[in-house]
PDB file of N, CA and C in Angstrom:
ATOM      1  N   MET A   1     -63.471 192.504  85.650  1.00  0.00           N
ATOM      2  CA  MET A   1     -63.813 190.938  86.110  1.00  0.00           C
ATOM      3  C   MET A   1     -63.324 189.783  86.181  1.00  0.00           C
ATOM      4  N   VAL A   2     -63.726 189.658  87.140  1.00  0.00           N
ATOM      5  CA  VAL A   2     -62.904 188.241  87.526  1.00  0.00           C
ATOM      6  C   VAL A   2     -63.833 186.957  87.965  1.00  0.00           C
ATOM      7  N   GLY A   3     -64.085 185.611  87.326  1.00  0.00           N
ATOM      8  CA  GLY A   3     -65.304 184.857  87.968  1.00  0.00           C
ATOM      9  C   GLY A   3     -64.674 183.565  87.144  1.00  0.00           C
ATOM     10  N   VAL A   4     -65.810 182.684  87.037  1.00  0.00           N
ATOM     11  CA  VAL A   4     -65.720 181.633  86.191  1.00  0.00           C
ATOM     12  C   VAL A   4     -66.886 181.420  84.783  1.00  0.00           C
ATOM     13  N   ALA A   5     -66.918 180.381  84.064  1.00  0.00           N
ATOM     14  CA  ALA A   5     -67.689 180.344  82.967  1.00  0.00           C
ATOM     15  C   ALA A   5     -68.013 178.739  82.584  1.00  0.00           C
ATOM     16  N   THR A   6     -68.681 178.512  81.847  1.00  0.00           N
ATOM     17  CA  THR A   6     -68.757 177.266  81.337  1.00  0.00           C
ATOM     18  C   THR A   6     -68.125 176.968  80.105  1.00  0.00           C
ATOM     19  N   LYS A   7     -67.967 175.710  79.282  1.00  0.00           N
ATOM     20  CA  LYS A   7     -67.128 175.807  78.191  1.00  0.00           C
ATOM     21  C   LYS A   7     -67.805 176.500  77.119  1.00  0.00           C
ATOM     22  N   THR A   8     -69.170 176.940  77.164  1.00  0.00           N
ATOM     23  CA  THR A   8     -70.008 177.546  76.041  1.00  0.00           C
ATOM     24  C   THR A   8     -69.968 178.812  76.260  1.00  0.00           C
ATOM     25  N   ALA A   9     -69.589 179.502  76.843  1.00  0.00           N
ATOM     26  CA  ALA A   9     -69.615 181.333  77.312  1.00  0.00           C
ATOM     27  C   ALA A   9     -68.911 182.023  76.513  1.00  0.00           C
ATOM     28  N   ARG A  10     -69.623 182.656  75.867  1.00  0.00           N
ATOM     29  CA  ARG A  10     -68.806 183.715  74.802  1.00  0.00           C
ATOM     30  C   ARG A  10     -68.012 183.887  75.197  1.00  0.00           C
ATOM     31  N   LEU A  11     -66.673 184.318  74.658  1.00  0.00           N
ATOM     32  CA  LEU A  11     -65.543 184.986  74.745  1.00  0.00           C
ATOM     33  C   LEU A  11     -65.055 186.046  73.929  1.00  0.00           C
ATOM     34  N   HIS A  12     -65.703 186.549  73.098  1.00  0.00           N
ATOM     35  CA  HIS A  12     -65.298 187.730  72.203  1.00  0.00           C
ATOM     36  C   HIS A  12     -66.901 188.347  71.390  1.00  0.00           C
ATOM     37  N   GLU A  13     -66.746 189.484  71.217  1.00  0.00           N
ATOM     38  CA  GLU A  13     -68.247 190.312  71.373  1.00  0.00           C
ATOM     39  C   GLU A  13     -67.313 191.348  70.521  1.00  0.00           C
ATOM     40  N   ASP A  14     -67.832 191.823  69.754  1.00  0.00           N
ATOM     41  CA  ASP A  14     -67.418 193.810  68.856  1.00  0.00           C
ATOM     42  C   ASP A  14     -67.947 194.387  69.655  1.00  0.00           C
ATOM     43  N   GLY A  15     -66.991 195.591  70.202  1.00  0.00           N
ATOM     44  CA  GLY A  15     -66.900 196.930  70.411  1.00  0.00           C
ATOM     45  C   GLY A  15     -66.412 196.613  71.815  1.00  0.00           C
ATOM     46  N   TYR A  16     -66.497 197.669  72.614  1.00  0.00           N
ATOM     47  CA  TYR A  16     -65.847 197.486  74.395  1.00  0.00           C
ATOM     48  C   TYR A  16     -66.672 196.852  75.404  1.00  0.00           C
ATOM     49  N   THR A  17     -66.773 195.783  75.439  1.00  0.00           N
ATOM     50  CA  THR A  17     -67.771 195.226  76.851  1.00  0.00           C
ATOM     51  C   THR A  17     -67.200 193.986  77.649  1.00  0.00           C
ATOM     52  N   ALA A  18     -67.657 193.755  78.645  1.00  0.00           N
ATOM     53  CA  ALA A  18     -67.113 192.901  79.289  1.00  0.00           C
ATOM     54  C   ALA A  18     -68.035 191.668  79.374  1.00  0.00           C
ATOM     55  N   LEU A  19     -67.673 190.540  78.567  1.00  0.00           N
ATOM     56  CA  LEU A  19     -69.144 189.491  78.323  1.00  0.00           C
ATOM     57  C   LEU A  19     -69.212 188.774  79.846  1.00  0.00           C
ATOM     58  N   ILE A  20     -68.043 188.687  80.765  1.00  0.00           N
ATOM     59  CA  ILE A  20     -68.327 187.893  82.078  1.00  0.00           C
ATOM     60  C   ILE A  20     -70.015 188.001  82.696  1.00  0.00           C
ATOM     61  N   GLY A  21     -70.879 187.364  82.873  1.00  0.00           N
ATOM     62  CA  GLY A  21     -71.766 187.621  83.472  1.00  0.00           C
ATOM     63  C   GLY A  21     -73.182 188.195  82.782  1.00  0.00           C
ATOM     64  N   THR A  22     -72.968 188.385  81.592  1.00  0.00           N
ATOM     65  CA  THR A  22     -74.205 188.988  80.992  1.00  0.00           C
ATOM     66  C   THR A  22     -74.639 187.700  80.321  1.00  0.00           C
ATOM     67  N   ASN A  23     -74.683 186.647  80.388  1.00  0.00           N
ATOM     68  CA  ASN A  23     -75.541 185.518  80.388  1.00  0.00           C
ATOM     69  C   ASN A  23     -75.427 184.237  81.464  1.00  0.00           C
ATOM     70  N   THR A  24     -76.247 183.292  80.886  1.00  0.00           N
ATOM     71  CA  THR A  24     -76.306 181.990  82.036  1.00  0.00           C
ATOM     72  C   THR A  24     -75.105 181.455  81.841  1.00  0.00           C
ATOM     73  N   GLU A  25     -74.243 181.312  81.085  1.00  0.00           N
ATOM     74  CA  GLU A  25     -72.877 180.978  80.823  1.00  0.00           C
ATOM     75  C   GLU A  25     -71.599 181.626  81.771  1.00  0.00           C
ATOM     76  N   SER A  26     -72.002 182.286  82.431  1.00  0.00           N
ATOM     77  CA  SER A  26     -70.797 182.924  83.261  1.00  0.00           C
ATOM     78  C   SER A  26     -71.501 183.425  84.338  1.00  0.00           C
ATOM     79  N   TYR A  27     -70.373 183.800  85.561  1.00  0.00           N
ATOM     80  CA  TYR A  27     -70.556 184.241  86.657  1.00  0.00           C
ATOM     81  C   TYR A  27     -69.024 185.426  87.175  1.00  0.00           C
ATOM     82  N   GLY A  28     -69.389 186.546  87.278  1.00  0.00           N
ATOM     83  CA  GLY A  28     -68.477 187.954  87.706  1.00  0.00           C
ATOM     84  C   GLY A  28     -68.588 188.719  88.510  1.00  0.00           C
ATOM     85  N   TRP A  29     -67.621 189.149  88.844  1.00  0.00           N
ATOM     86  CA  TRP A  29     -67.419 190.054  90.151  1.00  0.00           C
ATOM     87  C   TRP A  29     -66.897 191.073  89.232  1.00  0.00           C
ATOM     88  N   ASP A  30     -67.295 191.915  89.237  1.00  0.00           N
ATOM     89  CA  ASP A  30     -66.446 193.505  88.619  1.00  0.00           C
ATOM     90  C   ASP A  30     -66.174 194.154  89.666  1.00  0.00           C
ATOM     91  N   ILE A  31     -64.468 193.792  89.888  1.00  0.00           N
ATOM     92  CA  ILE A  31     -64.127 194.812  91.362  1.00  0.00           C
ATOM     93  C   ILE A  31     -63.754 196.130  91.105  1.00  0.00           C
ATOM     94  N   THR A  32     -64.097 196.603  90.005  1.00  0.00           N
ATOM     95  CA  THR A  32     -63.802 198.333  90.073  1.00  0.00           C
ATOM     96  C   THR A  32     -65.229 198.708  90.150  1.00  0.00           C
ATOM     97  N   ARG A  33     -66.447 198.418  90.304  1.00  0.00           N
ATOM     98  CA  ARG A  33     -68.061 198.977  90.449  1.00  0.00           C
ATOM     99  C   ARG A  33     -68.292 198.018  91.551  1.00  0.00           C
ATOM    100  N   GLY A  34     -67.808 196.847  92.098  1.00  0.00           N
ATOM    101  CA  GLY A  34     -68.190 196.447  93.231  1.00  0.00           C
ATOM    102  C   GLY A  34     -69.700 195.901  93.045  1.00  0.00           C
ATOM    103  N   GLU A  35     -69.892 195.252  91.856  1.00  0.00           N
ATOM    104  CA  GLU A  35     -71.138 194.383  91.487  1.00  0.00           C
ATOM    105  C   GLU A  35     -70.647 193.045  91.011  1.00  0.00           C
ATOM    106  N   CYS A  36     -71.893 192.300  91.061  1.00  0.00           N
ATOM    107  CA  CYS A  36     -71.760 190.716  90.505  1.00  0.00           C
ATOM    108  C   CYS A  36     -72.649 190.804  89.472  1.00  0.00           C
ATOM    109  N   HIS A  37     -72.640 190.342  88.541  1.00  0.00           N
ATOM    110  CA  HIS A  37     -72.936 189.586  87.049  1.00  0.00           C
ATOM    111  C   HIS A  37     -73.251 188.165  86.884  1.00  0.00           C
ATOM    112  N   HIS A  38     -74.312 187.975  86.575  1.00  0.00           N
ATOM    113  CA  HIS A  38     -75.182 186.602  85.978  1.00  0.00           C
ATOM    114  C   HIS A  38     -76.441 186.739  85.458  1.00  0.00           C
ATOM    115  N   ASP A  39     -76.052 186.343  84.312  1.00  0.00           N
ATOM    116  CA  ASP A  39     -77.436 186.755  82.996  1.00  0.00           C
ATOM    117  C   ASP A  39     -77.666 188.403  83.621  1.00  0.00           C
ATOM    118  N   SER A  40     -77.145 189.126  83.600  1.00  0.00           N
ATOM    119  CA  SER A  40     -77.322 190.621  83.432  1.00  0.00           C
ATOM    120  C   SER A  40     -77.924 191.212  82.349  1.00  0.00           C
ATOM    121  N   LYS A  41     -78.284 190.645  81.245  1.00  0.00           N
ATOM    122  CA  LYS A  41     -79.267 191.134  80.284  1.00  0.00           C
ATOM    123  C   LYS A  41     -80.490 190.732  80.737  1.00  0.00           C
ATOM    124  N   LYS A  42     -80.738 190.064  81.794  1.00  0.00           N
ATOM    125  CA  LYS A  42     -82.220 189.833  81.750  1.00  0.00           C
ATOM    126  C   LYS A  42     -82.167 189.803  83.314  1.00  0.00           C
ATOM    127  N   THR A  43     -81.574 189.683  84.143  1.00  0.00           N
ATOM    128  CA  THR A  43     -81.866 189.919  85.846  1.00  0.00           C
ATOM    129  C   THR A  43     -80.664 191.089  86.336  1.00  0.00           C
ATOM    130  N   GLN A  44     -81.469 191.331  87.843  1.00  0.00           N
ATOM    131  CA  GLN A  44     -80.491 192.737  88.115  1.00  0.00           C
ATOM    132  C   GLN A  44     -79.014 192.534  88.754  1.00  0.00           C
ATOM    133  N   ILE A  45     -78.108 193.380  88.704  1.00  0.00           N
ATOM    134  CA  ILE A  45     -76.975 193.288  89.144  1.00  0.00           C
ATOM    135  C   ILE A  45     -76.966 193.322  90.598  1.00  0.00           C
ATOM    136  N   TRP A  46     -76.129 193.052  91.589  1.00  0.00           N
ATOM    137  CA  TRP A  46     -76.193 193.146  92.987  1.00  0.00           C
ATOM    138  C   TRP A  46     -74.419 193.750  93.134  1.00  0.00           C
ATOM    139  N   LYS A  47     -74.453 194.847  94.208  1.00  0.00           N
ATOM    140  CA  LYS A  47     -73.824 194.943  95.011  1.00  0.00           C
ATOM    141  C   LYS A  47     -72.893 193.879  95.991  1.00  0.00           C
ATOM    142  N   TYR A  48     -71.483 194.227  95.699  1.00  0.00           N
ATOM    143  CA  TYR A  48     -70.852 193.158  96.469  1.00  0.00           C
ATOM    144  C   TYR A  48     -69.362 193.465  97.178  1.00  0.00           C
ATOM    145  N   ALA A  49     -69.189 192.740  97.961  1.00  0.00           N
ATOM    146  CA  ALA A  49     -67.896 192.568  98.493  1.00  0.00           C
ATOM    147  C   ALA A  49     -67.086 194.130  99.515  1.00  0.00           C
ATOM    148  N   PHE A  50     -68.243 194.668 100.283  1.00  0.00           N
ATOM    149  CA  PHE A  50     -68.270 195.850 101.074  1.00  0.00           C
ATOM    150  C   PHE A  50     -67.085 195.163 101.867  1.00  0.00           C
ATOM    151  N   GLY A  51     -66.815 194.382 102.426  1.00  0.00           N
ATOM    152  CA  GLY A  51     -65.938 194.032 103.475  1.00  0.00           C
ATOM    153  C   GLY A  51     -66.613 194.642 104.852  1.00  0.00           C
ATOM    154  N   ASN A  52     -65.741 195.095 105.842  1.00  0.00           N
ATOM    155  CA  ASN A  52     -66.251 195.633 107.237  1.00  0.00           C
ATOM    156  C   ASN A  52     -66.561 196.984 106.889  1.00  0.00           C
ATOM    157  N   SER A  53     -66.350 197.524 106.101  1.00  0.00           N
ATOM    158  CA  SER A  53     -66.531 199.026 105.655  1.00  0.00           C
ATOM    159  C   SER A  53     -66.957 199.248 104.542  1.00  0.00           C
ATOM    160  N   PRO A  54     -68.482 199.325 103.921  1.00  0.00           N
ATOM    161  CA  PRO A  54     -69.103 199.460 103.063  1.00  0.00           C
ATOM    162  C   PRO A  54     -68.374 200.786 101.807  1.00  0.00           C
ATOM    163  N   ASP A  55     -67.956 202.150 102.716  1.00  0.00           N
ATOM    164  CA  ASP A  55     -68.068 203.084 102.145  1.00  0.00           C
ATOM    165  C   ASP A  55     -66.796 203.009 101.521  1.00  0.00           C
ATOM    166  N   ALA A  56     -65.557 202.540 101.988  1.00  0.00           N
ATOM    167  CA  ALA A  56     -64.656 203.053 101.853  1.00  0.00           C
ATOM    168  C   ALA A  56     -63.558 201.220 101.379  1.00  0.00           C
ATOM    169  N   PHE A  57     -64.555 200.447 101.024  1.00  0.00           N
ATOM    170  CA  PHE A  57     -63.689 199.148 100.667  1.00  0.00           C
ATOM    171  C   PHE A  57     -63.218 198.959  99.588  1.00  0.00           C
ATOM    172  N   HIS A  58     -61.774 198.839  99.288  1.00  0.00           N
ATOM    173  CA  HIS A  58     -60.955 198.892  97.874  1.00  0.00           C
ATOM    174  C   HIS A  58     -60.229 197.453  97.940  1.00  0.00           C
ATOM    175  N   VAL A  59     -60.481 197.192  96.431  1.00  0.00           N
ATOM    176  CA  VAL A  59     -60.124 195.529  96.003  1.00  0.00           C
ATOM    177  C   VAL A  59     -58.419 195.445  96.535  1.00  0.00           C
ATOM    178  N   PRO A  60     -58.018 194.628  97.064  1.00  0.00           N
ATOM    179  CA  PRO A  60     -56.706 194.765  97.030  1.00  0.00           C
ATOM    180  C   PRO A  60     -55.567 194.334  95.922  1.00  0.00           C
ATOM    181  N   GLU A  61     -54.627 194.085  95.527  1.00  0.00           N
ATOM    182  CA  GLU A  61     -53.830 193.780  94.362  1.00  0.00           C
ATOM    183  C   GLU A  61     -53.929 192.063  94.446  1.00  0.00           C
ATOM    184  N   LYS A  62     -54.173 191.643  95.740  1.00  0.00           N
ATOM    185  CA  LYS A  62     -54.208 190.381  95.873  1.00  0.00           C
ATOM    186  C   LYS A  62     -55.437 189.983  96.562  1.00  0.00           C
ATOM    187  N   PHE A  63     -56.261 188.737  95.782  1.00  0.00           N
ATOM    188  CA  PHE A  63     -57.580 188.462  96.391  1.00  0.00           C
ATOM    189  C   PHE A  63     -57.576 186.877  96.045  1.00  0.00           C
ATOM    190  N   TYR A  64     -58.224 186.385  96.816  1.00  0.00           N
ATOM    191  CA  TYR A  64     -59.011 184.795  96.417  1.00  0.00           C
ATOM    192  C   TYR A  64     -60.096 184.640  96.088  1.00  0.00           C
ATOM    193  N   CYS A  65     -60.080 183.882  95.049  1.00  0.00           N
ATOM    194  CA  CYS A  65     -61.443 183.214  94.420  1.00  0.00           C
ATOM    195  C   CYS A  65     -61.719 181.739  94.721  1.00  0.00           C
ATOM    196  N   ILE A  66     -62.643 181.638  96.119  1.00  0.00           N
ATOM    197  CA  ILE A  66     -63.278 180.402  96.885  1.00  0.00           C
ATOM    198  C   ILE A  66     -64.048 180.074  95.598  1.00  0.00           C
ATOM    199  N   LEU A  67     -63.949 178.655  95.224  1.00  0.00           N
ATOM    200  CA  LEU A  67     -65.178 177.814  94.500  1.00  0.00           C
ATOM    201  C   LEU A  67     -65.336 176.413  95.431  1.00  0.00           C
ATOM    202  N   ASP A  68     -66.277 176.736  95.875  1.00  0.00           N
ATOM    203  CA  ASP A  68     -66.796 175.373  96.494  1.00  0.00           C
ATOM    204  C   ASP A  68     -67.581 174.380  95.818  1.00  0.00           C
ATOM    205  N   MET A  69     -67.457 173.533  94.882  1.00  0.00           N
ATOM    206  CA  MET A  69     -68.553 172.800  93.830  1.00  0.00           C
ATOM    207  C   MET A  69     -68.806 171.648  94.948  1.00  0.00           C
ATOM    208  N   ASP A  70     -68.626 171.294  95.843  1.00  0.00           N
ATOM    209  CA  ASP A  70     -69.451 170.281  96.770  1.00  0.00           C
ATOM    210  C   ASP A  70     -70.890 171.102  97.624  1.00  0.00           C
ATOM    211  N   GLU A  71     -70.736 172.206  98.039  1.00  0.00           N
ATOM    212  CA  GLU A  71     -71.743 173.196  98.382  1.00  0.00           C
ATOM    213  C   GLU A  71     -72.393 173.799  97.120  1.00  0.00           C
ATOM    214  N   GLY A  72     -71.805 174.351  95.746  1.00  0.00           N
ATOM    215  CA  GLY A  72     -71.939 174.753  94.857  1.00  0.00           C
ATOM    216  C   GLY A  72     -71.939 176.547  94.913  1.00  0.00           C
ATOM    217  N   TYR A  73     -71.105 176.958  95.232  1.00  0.00           N
ATOM    218  CA  TYR A  73     -71.025 178.271  95.956  1.00  0.00           C
ATOM    219  C   TYR A  73     -69.641 178.955  95.451  1.00  0.00           C
ATOM    220  N   MET A  74     -69.583 180.334  94.983  1.00  0.00           N
ATOM    221  CA  MET A  74     -68.031 180.826  94.977  1.00  0.00           C
ATOM    222  C   MET A  74     -68.434 182.280  95.750  1.00  0.00           C
ATOM    223  N   ALA A  75     -66.750 182.628  96.319  1.00  0.00           N
ATOM    224  CA  ALA A  75     -67.092 183.142  97.126  1.00  0.00           C
ATOM    225  C   ALA A  75     -65.412 183.740  97.165  1.00  0.00           C
ATOM    226  N   PHE A  76     -65.313 185.119  97.801  1.00  0.00           N
ATOM    227  CA  PHE A  76     -64.036 185.908  97.620  1.00  0.00           C
ATOM    228  C   PHE A  76     -63.463 186.162  98.910  1.00  0.00           C
ATOM    229  N   ALA A  77     -62.354 186.679  99.077  1.00  0.00           N
ATOM    230  CA  ALA A  77     -61.668 186.667 100.467  1.00  0.00           C
ATOM    231  C   ALA A  77     -60.292 187.185  99.864  1.00  0.00           C
ATOM    232  N   THR A  78     -59.631 188.528 100.834  1.00  0.00           N
ATOM    233  CA  THR A  78     -58.444 188.981 100.981  1.00  0.00           C
ATOM    234  C   THR A  78     -57.703 188.146 101.976  1.00  0.00           C
ATOM    235  N   ASP A  79     -56.687 188.617 102.302  1.00  0.00           N
ATOM    236  CA  ASP A  79     -55.679 188.421 103.129  1.00  0.00           C
ATOM    237  C   ASP A  79     -55.999 188.843 104.470  1.00  0.00           C
ATOM    238  N   GLU A  80     -57.035 189.986 104.764  1.00  0.00           N
ATOM    239  CA  GLU A  80     -57.778 189.969 105.962  1.00  0.00           C
ATOM    240  C   GLU A  80     -58.630 189.350 106.272  1.00  0.00           C
ATOM    241  N   GLU A  81     -59.831 189.344 105.482  1.00  0.00           N
ATOM    242  CA  GLU A  81     -60.786 189.353 105.660  1.00  0.00           C
ATOM    243  C   GLU A  81     -61.886 188.473 104.397  1.00  0.00           C
ATOM    244  N   TYR A  82     -62.825 187.529 104.907  1.00  0.00           N
ATOM    245  CA  TYR A  82     -63.776 186.575 104.094  1.00  0.00           C
ATOM    246  C   TYR A  82     -64.792 188.004 103.823  1.00  0.00           C
ATOM    247  N   LEU A  83     -64.879 188.070 102.517  1.00  0.00           N
ATOM    248  CA  LEU A  83     -65.968 188.740 101.528  1.00  0.00           C
ATOM    249  C   LEU A  83     -67.460 188.168 101.485  1.00  0.00           C
ATOM    250  N   GLY A  84     -67.302 186.936 101.978  1.00  0.00           N
ATOM    251  CA  GLY A  84     -68.463 186.187 101.733  1.00  0.00           C
ATOM    252  C   GLY A  84     -68.733 185.464 100.360  1.00  0.00           C
ATOM    253  N   VAL A  85     -70.376 184.856 100.467  1.00  0.00           N
ATOM    254  CA  VAL A  85     -70.471 184.353  99.043  1.00  0.00           C
ATOM    255  C   VAL A  85     -71.020 185.175  97.944  1.00  0.00           C
ATOM    256  N   ALA A  86     -70.792 185.241  96.689  1.00  0.00           N
ATOM    257  CA  ALA A  86     -70.969 185.890  95.638  1.00  0.00           C
ATOM    258  C   ALA A  86     -71.948 185.393  94.578  1.00  0.00           C
ATOM    259  N   PHE A  87     -71.805 183.943  94.247  1.00  0.00           N
ATOM    260  CA  PHE A  87     -72.881 182.971  93.758  1.00  0.00           C
ATOM    261  C   PHE A  87     -73.181 181.922  94.189  1.00  0.00           C
ATOM    262  N   ARG A  88     -74.270 181.400  93.973  1.00  0.00           N
ATOM    263  CA  ARG A  88     -74.612 180.114  94.600  1.00  0.00           C
ATOM    264  C   ARG A  88     -75.388 179.163  93.079  1.00  0.00           C
ATOM    265  N   ASN A  89     -75.999 178.077  93.750  1.00  0.00           N
ATOM    266  CA  ASN A  89     -76.461 176.943  92.510  1.00  0.00           C
ATOM    267  C   ASN A  89     -75.041 176.697  91.296  1.00  0.00           C
ATOM    268  N   LEU A  90     -74.358 176.501  91.724  1.00  0.00           N
ATOM    269  CA  LEU A  90     -73.297 176.232  91.035  1.00  0.00           C
ATOM    270  C   LEU A  90     -73.038 174.913  91.002  1.00  0.00           C
ATOM    271  N   LYS A  91     -73.239 174.002  92.100  1.00  0.00           N
ATOM    272  CA  LYS A  91     -73.287 172.750  91.917  1.00  0.00           C
ATOM    273  C   LYS A  91     -73.708 171.693  90.618  1.00  0.00           C
ATOM    274  N   GLY A  92     -73.037 170.939  90.198  1.00  0.00           N
ATOM    275  CA  GLY A  92     -72.924 170.410  89.313  1.00  0.00           C
ATOM    276  C   GLY A  92     -72.556 170.856  87.958  1.00  0.00           C
ATOM    277  N   LYS A  93     -72.028 172.129  87.851  1.00  0.00           N
ATOM    278  CA  LYS A  93     -71.402 173.005  86.506  1.00  0.00           C
ATOM    279  C   LYS A  93     -69.805 172.097  86.260  1.00  0.00           C
ATOM    280  N   THR A  94     -69.661 172.667  85.156  1.00  0.00           N
ATOM    281  CA  THR A  94     -68.085 172.240  84.904  1.00  0.00           C
ATOM    282  C   THR A  94     -67.804 173.823  84.593  1.00  0.00           C
ATOM    283  N   LEU A  95     -67.190 174.419  85.256  1.00  0.00           N
ATOM    284  CA  LEU A  95     -66.298 175.628  85.419  1.00  0.00           C
ATOM    285  C   LEU A  95     -65.436 176.036  84.835  1.00  0.00           C
ATOM    286  N   TYR A  96     -65.160 177.062  84.322  1.00  0.00           N
ATOM    287  CA  TYR A  96     -63.494 177.084  84.079  1.00  0.00           C
ATOM    288  C   TYR A  96     -63.043 178.937  84.805  1.00  0.00           C
ATOM    289  N   PRO A  97     -61.824 179.414  85.118  1.00  0.00           N
ATOM    290  CA  PRO A  97     -61.762 180.705  85.458  1.00  0.00           C
ATOM    291  C   PRO A  97     -61.662 181.044  84.213  1.00  0.00           C
ATOM    292  N   ILE A  98     -62.053 182.154  84.902  1.00  0.00           N
ATOM    293  CA  ILE A  98     -62.175 183.667  83.375  1.00  0.00           C
ATOM    294  C   ILE A  98     -62.199 185.139  83.894  1.00  0.00           C
ATOM    295  N   VAL A  99     -61.316 185.946  83.275  1.00  0.00           N
ATOM    296  CA  VAL A  99     -61.151 187.066  83.447  1.00  0.00           C
ATOM    297  C   VAL A  99     -61.246 188.109  82.420  1.00  0.00           C
ATOM    298  N   ALA A 100     -61.775 189.436  82.607  1.00  0.00           N
ATOM    299  CA  ALA A 100     -61.600 190.443  81.406  1.00  0.00           C
ATOM    300  C   ALA A 100     -60.809 191.576  81.957  1.00  0.00           C
ATOM    301  N   THR A 101     -60.567 192.122  80.888  1.00  0.00           N
ATOM    302  CA  THR A 101     -59.481 193.086  81.372  1.00  0.00           C
ATOM    303  C   THR A 101     -59.952 194.452  80.563  1.00  0.00           C
ATOM    304  N   VAL A 102     -61.400 194.691  80.372  1.00  0.00           N
ATOM    305  CA  VAL A 102     -61.654 195.701  79.224  1.00  0.00           C
ATOM    306  C   VAL A 102     -61.329 197.046  79.754  1.00  0.00           C
ATOM    307  N   TRP A 103     -60.671 197.441  80.918  1.00  0.00           N
ATOM    308  CA  TRP A 103     -60.636 198.973  80.967  1.00  0.00           C
ATOM    309  C   TRP A 103     -58.651 198.737  80.556  1.00  0.00           C
ATOM    310  N   GLY A 104     -58.197 198.043  80.047  1.00  0.00           N
ATOM    311  CA  GLY A 104     -56.935 197.846  79.522  1.00  0.00           C
ATOM    312  C   GLY A 104     -55.772 198.747  80.771  1.00  0.00           C
ATOM    313  N   ARG A 105     -54.792 198.510  80.439  1.00  0.00           N
ATOM    314  CA  ARG A 105     -53.634 198.875  81.398  1.00  0.00           C
ATOM    315  C   ARG A 105     -53.792 197.970  82.320  1.00  0.00           C
ATOM    316  N   CYS A 106     -54.094 196.393  82.307  1.00  0.00           N
ATOM    317  CA  CYS A 106     -54.069 195.728  83.213  1.00  0.00           C
ATOM    318  C   CYS A 106     -52.627 194.532  83.311  1.00  0.00           C
ATOM    319  N   GLU A 107     -52.508 194.113  84.509  1.00  0.00           N
ATOM    320  CA  GLU A 107     -51.810 193.109  84.801  1.00  0.00           C
ATOM    321  C   GLU A 107     -52.308 192.320  85.413  1.00  0.00           C
ATOM    322  N   ILE A 108     -52.636 190.860  84.852  1.00  0.00           N
ATOM    323  CA  ILE A 108     -53.473 190.060  86.343  1.00  0.00           C
ATOM    324  C   ILE A 108     -52.503 188.629  85.921  1.00  0.00           C
ATOM    325  N   SER A 109     -52.462 187.957  86.950  1.00  0.00           N
ATOM    326  CA  SER A 109     -51.454 186.699  87.463  1.00  0.00           C
ATOM    327  C   SER A 109     -52.516 186.116  88.069  1.00  0.00           C
ATOM    328  N   MET A 110     -52.488 184.517  87.755  1.00  0.00           N
ATOM    329  CA  MET A 110     -53.669 183.641  88.488  1.00  0.00           C
ATOM    330  C   MET A 110     -52.545 182.531  89.126  1.00  0.00           C
ATOM    331  N   ARG A 111     -53.023 182.175  90.210  1.00  0.00           N
ATOM    332  CA  ARG A 111     -52.245 180.858  90.764  1.00  0.00           C
ATOM    333  C   ARG A 111     -53.053 180.264  91.462  1.00  0.00           C
ATOM    334  N   TYR A 112     -53.275 178.537  90.686  1.00  0.00           N
ATOM    335  CA  TYR A 112     -54.000 177.713  91.535  1.00  0.00           C
ATOM    336  C   TYR A 112     -53.557 177.142  92.618  1.00  0.00           C
ATOM    337  N   LEU A 113     -54.431 176.960  93.770  1.00  0.00           N
ATOM    338  CA  LEU A 113     -54.144 176.723  94.883  1.00  0.00           C
ATOM    339  C   LEU A 113     -54.477 175.068  95.365  1.00  0.00           C
ATOM    340  N   GLY A 114     -55.058 174.620  94.305  1.00  0.00           N
ATOM    341  CA  GLY A 114     -55.000 173.438  94.789  1.00  0.00           C
ATOM    342  C   GLY A 114     -56.482 172.965  95.363  1.00  0.00           C
ATOM    343  N   SER A 115     -56.914 171.769  95.389  1.00  0.00           N
ATOM    344  CA  SER A 115     -58.296 171.033  95.729  1.00  0.00           C
ATOM    345  C   SER A 115     -58.143 170.012  96.574  1.00  0.00           C
ATOM    346  N   LEU A 116     -59.475 169.453  96.750  1.00  0.00           N
ATOM    347  CA  LEU A 116     -59.162 168.043  97.326  1.00  0.00           C
ATOM    348  C   LEU A 116     -58.603 167.173  96.277  1.00  0.00           C
TER     349      LEU A 116
END
């Protein structure tokens, strides 16, 4: 799971679960299942990031998270294509990058590419 969260988002819970997107304090893209989560304990999860070929889309090792706070959305892209908007209505929130590696044997690196 990769996404953004507010300062009050829960970061720990007993058991084997990804907290990102389970409540109103975080927004997450499950790159393994191709799903978006926001308040998923109360609202429906939706499919995301099929690219140009819905049946064969595979998330590459490197991808970009695009957070446009002027317009209030978060989108993703690869080196080859823009995957589209995953979340809207983020304008006015203070958000921080967040990643969950529930499945283990994961290695993650993040690089900030700048802003205005």
